[in-house]
Amino acid sequence: MGLNLMTPDQTATLRTKKMTLALDLTEVQQKQIQTLNLENAKTRESSMEKRKSIKENGESKKPTPEERYAMKNERLDRMIAQKAEMKDILSTEQYGKWEKMVQRRGKHRNGMKDGGNMAQWKGKHRKGMNEIHGIR
């Protein structure tokens, strides 16, 4: 089941549990991060529903440069706010780990977008597997 098929509460719970395992969160931290994750999941769901209804109504069009700027600016504002909240919730050590997790996730998504990194990995992987199996 993909994240898009889950309720915001289910998504927030799974994200919180993954973070608990990765960062060794206390119960108080878990509750605070659950609340934050739930807010983020609800925001994502409403954005997806809005895009879906626009697409279904045939109103789908490319955003103007001003609209694109406003969307990116809004997204960055949310990211800055989340970063500040996480800094308040987590210890210094946990926050450092969390930042690395976020960076890795961003790199993975960017690599998937341009296809370059993934294509390179597949090529190296295939070559390595061929050598293991004696294929030339």
Protein backbone atom coordinates (compact mmCIF):
# COMPACT_ATOMS: atom_id res chain seq x y z
CA MET A 1 0.00 0.00 0.00
CA GLY A 2 1.53 3.31 -1.08
CA LEU A 3 1.45 6.45 1.01
CA ASN A 4 -1.20 7.91 -1.32
CA LEU A 5 -3.64 5.13 -0.43
CA MET A 6 -3.43 5.71 3.31
CA THR A 7 -5.25 8.18 5.49
CA PRO A 8 -3.27 11.14 6.82
CA ASP A 9 -3.38 9.56 10.28
CA GLN A 10 -1.93 6.28 8.99
CA THR A 11 0.79 8.10 7.06
CA ALA A 12 1.70 10.22 10.09
CA THR A 13 1.82 7.16 12.36
CA LEU A 14 4.13 5.24 10.03
CA ARG A 15 6.45 8.22 9.55
CA THR A 16 6.58 8.78 13.30
CA LYS A 17 7.39 5.13 13.97
CA LYS A 18 10.19 5.16 11.37
CA MET A 19 11.61 8.30 12.97
CA THR A 20 11.31 6.71 16.42
CA LEU A 21 13.40 3.77 15.27
CA ALA A 22 15.97 5.95 13.49
CA LEU A 23 16.28 8.65 16.17
CA ASP A 24 15.38 6.80 19.38
CA LEU A 25 12.60 9.28 20.23
CA THR A 26 11.13 9.59 23.72
CA GLU A 27 7.36 9.24 24.20
CA VAL A 28 7.00 13.01 24.52
CA GLN A 29 8.96 13.54 21.28
CA GLN A 30 6.85 10.86 19.55
CA LYS A 31 3.64 12.71 20.43
CA GLN A 32 5.03 16.04 19.26
CA ILE A 33 6.33 14.59 15.99
CA GLN A 34 3.08 12.64 15.45
CA THR A 35 1.20 15.95 15.62
CA LEU A 36 3.63 17.58 13.20
CA ASN A 37 3.51 14.61 10.80
CA LEU A 38 -0.29 14.59 10.92
CA GLU A 39 -0.44 18.30 10.00
CA ASN A 40 1.95 17.69 7.10
CA ALA A 41 -0.01 14.64 5.89
CA LYS A 42 -3.29 16.59 5.96
CA THR A 43 -1.69 19.45 4.03
CA ARG A 44 -0.35 17.01 1.41
CA GLU A 45 -3.73 15.28 1.12
CA SER A 46 -5.61 18.55 0.61
CA SER A 47 -3.08 19.64 -2.03
CA MET A 48 -3.43 16.32 -3.85
CA GLU A 49 -7.24 16.52 -3.72
CA LYS A 50 -7.14 20.06 -5.09
CA ARG A 51 -4.87 19.02 -7.98
CA LYS A 52 -7.01 15.95 -8.64
CA SER A 53 -10.26 17.95 -8.82
CA ILE A 54 -8.68 20.52 -11.14
CA LYS A 55 -7.45 17.72 -13.39
CA GLU A 56 -10.85 15.97 -13.42
CA ASN A 57 -12.68 19.21 -14.24
CA GLY A 58 -10.45 19.74 -17.25
CA GLU A 59 -9.08 22.95 -15.77
CA SER A 60 -5.57 21.55 -15.71
CA LYS A 61 -3.06 23.98 -17.13
CA LYS A 62 0.57 24.77 -16.53
CA PRO A 63 1.06 27.30 -13.75
CA THR A 64 2.23 30.75 -14.70
CA PRO A 65 5.71 31.79 -13.55
CA GLU A 66 4.06 33.82 -10.76
CA GLU A 67 1.98 30.84 -9.62
CA ARG A 68 5.03 28.56 -9.73
CA TYR A 69 7.00 31.10 -7.66
CA ALA A 70 4.17 31.32 -5.11
CA MET A 71 3.94 27.51 -4.82
CA LYS A 72 7.68 27.07 -4.38
CA ASN A 73 7.83 29.96 -1.90
CA GLU A 74 4.98 28.43 0.14
CA ARG A 75 6.66 25.01 0.12
CA LEU A 76 9.97 26.48 1.28
CA ASP A 77 8.20 28.40 4.06
CA ARG A 78 6.63 25.13 5.27
CA MET A 79 10.04 23.41 5.16
CA ILE A 80 11.67 26.23 7.17
CA ALA A 81 8.87 26.08 9.75
CA GLN A 82 9.18 22.29 10.03
CA LYS A 83 12.94 22.53 10.44
CA ALA A 84 12.51 25.05 13.27
CA GLU A 85 9.92 22.83 14.98
CA MET A 86 12.14 19.76 14.66
CA LYS A 87 15.04 21.71 16.15
CA ASP A 88 12.84 22.51 19.19
CA ILE A 89 11.65 18.90 19.59
CA LEU A 90 14.86 16.93 18.99
CA SER A 91 18.15 16.87 20.87
CA THR A 92 21.24 18.20 19.09
CA GLU A 93 22.37 14.67 18.21
CA GLN A 94 18.91 13.61 17.01
CA TYR A 95 18.56 16.78 14.95
CA GLY A 96 21.88 16.09 13.21
CA LYS A 97 20.73 12.57 12.32
CA TRP A 98 17.37 13.89 11.14
CA GLU A 99 19.03 16.45 8.85
CA LYS A 100 21.15 13.69 7.28
CA MET A 101 18.01 11.59 6.76
CA VAL A 102 16.27 14.51 5.03
CA GLN A 103 19.29 15.18 2.81
CA ARG A 104 19.55 11.52 1.78
CA ARG A 105 15.84 11.41 0.96
CA GLY A 106 16.20 14.59 -1.10
CA LYS A 107 19.18 13.23 -3.01
CA HIS A 108 17.30 10.00 -3.73
CA ARG A 109 14.28 11.89 -5.06
CA ASN A 110 16.42 14.20 -7.18
CA GLY A 111 18.27 11.21 -8.62
CA MET A 112 15.00 9.57 -9.54
CA LYS A 113 13.75 12.78 -11.19
CA ASP A 114 16.62 13.19 -13.62
CA GLY A 115 17.14 9.46 -14.04
CA GLY A 116 20.90 9.96 -14.22
CA ASN A 117 21.92 8.53 -10.88
CA MET A 118 19.54 5.59 -11.09
CA ALA A 119 20.61 4.73 -14.63
CA GLN A 120 24.26 4.83 -13.56
CA TRP A 121 23.52 2.61 -10.56
CA LYS A 122 21.65 0.08 -12.70
CA GLY A 123 24.53 -0.07 -15.16
CA LYS A 124 27.09 -0.65 -12.42
CA HIS A 125 24.82 -3.15 -10.69
CA ARG A 126 24.24 -5.09 -13.90
CA LYS A 127 27.98 -5.15 -14.65
CA GLY A 128 28.72 -6.39 -11.13
CA MET A 129 26.06 -9.08 -11.33
CA ASN A 130 27.36 -10.24 -14.71
CA GLU A 131 30.86 -10.60 -13.24
CA ILE A 132 29.51 -12.60 -10.31
CA HIS A 133 27.69 -14.96 -12.66
CA GLY A 134 30.56 -15.20 -15.14
CA ILE A 135 28.70 -13.44 -17.96
CA ARG A 136 30.69 -11.23 -20.29
